[in-house]
Protein backbone atom coordinates (compact mmCIF):
# COMPACT_ATOMS: atom_id res chain seq x y z
CA MET A 1 57.93 158.86 -208.88
CA THR A 2 60.33 159.45 -206.02
CA LEU A 3 63.35 161.61 -206.72
CA THR A 4 66.81 160.77 -205.44
CA PRO A 5 68.41 163.45 -203.25
CA HIS A 6 70.51 164.80 -206.12
CA GLU A 7 67.52 164.86 -208.49
CA TRP A 8 65.46 166.62 -205.82
CA LEU A 9 68.16 169.26 -205.32
CA ARG A 10 68.43 169.89 -209.06
CA SER A 11 64.64 170.21 -209.35
CA LYS A 12 64.58 172.75 -206.48
CA ARG A 13 67.28 174.85 -208.16
CA MET A 14 65.73 174.68 -211.60
CA GLY A 15 62.28 175.42 -210.16
CA ARG A 16 63.66 178.76 -208.98
CA TYR A 17 65.28 179.38 -212.39
CA LEU A 18 68.77 179.52 -210.89
CA ARG A 19 72.03 178.49 -212.51
CA GLN A 20 74.69 176.64 -210.54
CA SER A 21 76.76 179.83 -210.58
CA ASP A 22 73.79 181.69 -209.03
CA ILE A 23 73.87 179.22 -206.14
CA GLU A 24 77.57 179.91 -205.61
CA GLN A 25 77.06 183.68 -205.61
CA ARG A 26 74.03 183.65 -203.33
CA THR A 27 75.43 181.18 -200.81
CA ALA A 28 78.66 183.21 -200.65
CA ILE A 29 76.68 186.28 -199.59
CA LEU A 30 75.22 184.19 -196.75
CA ASN A 31 78.68 182.98 -195.59
CA GLY A 32 78.05 179.43 -196.72
CA ARG A 33 79.62 179.41 -200.17
CA ILE A 34 79.00 176.29 -202.19
CA HIS A 35 81.22 176.41 -205.25
CA LYS A 36 79.69 175.79 -208.66
CA ALA A 37 81.72 172.57 -208.96
CA GLN A 38 80.26 171.37 -205.64
CA VAL A 39 76.73 172.13 -206.84
CA SER A 40 77.45 170.04 -209.92
CA GLN A 41 78.79 167.18 -207.78
CA LEU A 42 75.75 167.36 -205.51
CA GLU A 43 73.35 167.30 -208.44
CA ASN A 44 75.17 164.45 -210.17
CA GLY A 45 75.31 162.28 -207.06
CA ARG A 46 79.10 162.44 -206.71
CA LEU A 47 78.80 164.32 -203.41
CA ALA A 48 76.19 163.53 -200.77
CA LEU A 49 73.97 166.36 -199.60
CA THR A 50 74.90 165.35 -196.06
CA ASP A 51 78.56 166.16 -196.81
CA LEU A 52 77.84 169.89 -196.73
CA ARG A 53 78.85 171.89 -193.66
CA PRO A 54 76.03 173.29 -191.48
CA ASN A 55 76.61 176.86 -192.71
CA GLN A 56 76.44 175.66 -196.31
CA ILE A 57 73.19 173.80 -195.63
CA ASP A 58 71.68 176.88 -194.00
CA ALA A 59 72.70 179.09 -196.93
CA LEU A 60 71.45 176.63 -199.53
CA CYS A 61 68.13 176.19 -197.75
CA HIS A 62 67.71 179.95 -197.63
CA VAL A 63 68.53 180.40 -201.32
CA LEU A 64 66.24 177.57 -202.44
CA ASP A 65 63.50 178.28 -199.87
CA ILE A 66 63.79 174.82 -198.32
CA THR A 67 62.53 174.18 -194.80
CA PRO A 68 64.71 172.27 -192.31
CA HIS A 69 62.15 169.43 -192.31
CA GLU A 70 62.17 169.24 -196.11
CA TRP A 71 65.99 169.19 -196.11
CA ARG A 72 66.18 166.37 -193.55
CA THR A 73 63.57 164.35 -195.42
CA HIS A 74 65.32 164.54 -198.78
CA ALA A 75 69.00 164.90 -197.89
CA THR A 76 69.06 161.80 -195.72
CA SER A 77 67.02 159.48 -197.95
CA SER A 78 68.68 156.26 -199.03
CA ASP A 79 70.65 157.32 -202.08
CA PRO A 80 74.33 157.28 -201.13
CA ALA A 81 76.53 159.43 -203.28
CA VAL A 82 79.02 157.67 -205.46
CA ARG A 83 82.35 158.49 -203.89
CA PRO A 84 85.65 158.42 -205.75
CA GLY A 85 87.53 155.26 -204.88
CA ALA A 86 84.47 153.64 -203.28
CA ASP A 87 84.89 150.56 -205.45
CA LEU A 88 88.51 149.99 -204.43
């Protein structure tokens, strides 16, 4: 079974036994803070992984031990995030 980008991200976080608040704290230390609410949006498909800034991507990859190749493979797969107002 192939995971969507948001499912993949959640599985990476949970595989390291981290809470969403842990991601916020650890990415903040690395100058790429991703707020807990953003982590939730990413994992629920309401925010695309590709919407993160480069410093946030670097910090998240470091925290979750994700290689740049692995990030590109999963973050850019064909599962567009549902964006507010997209159906207008």
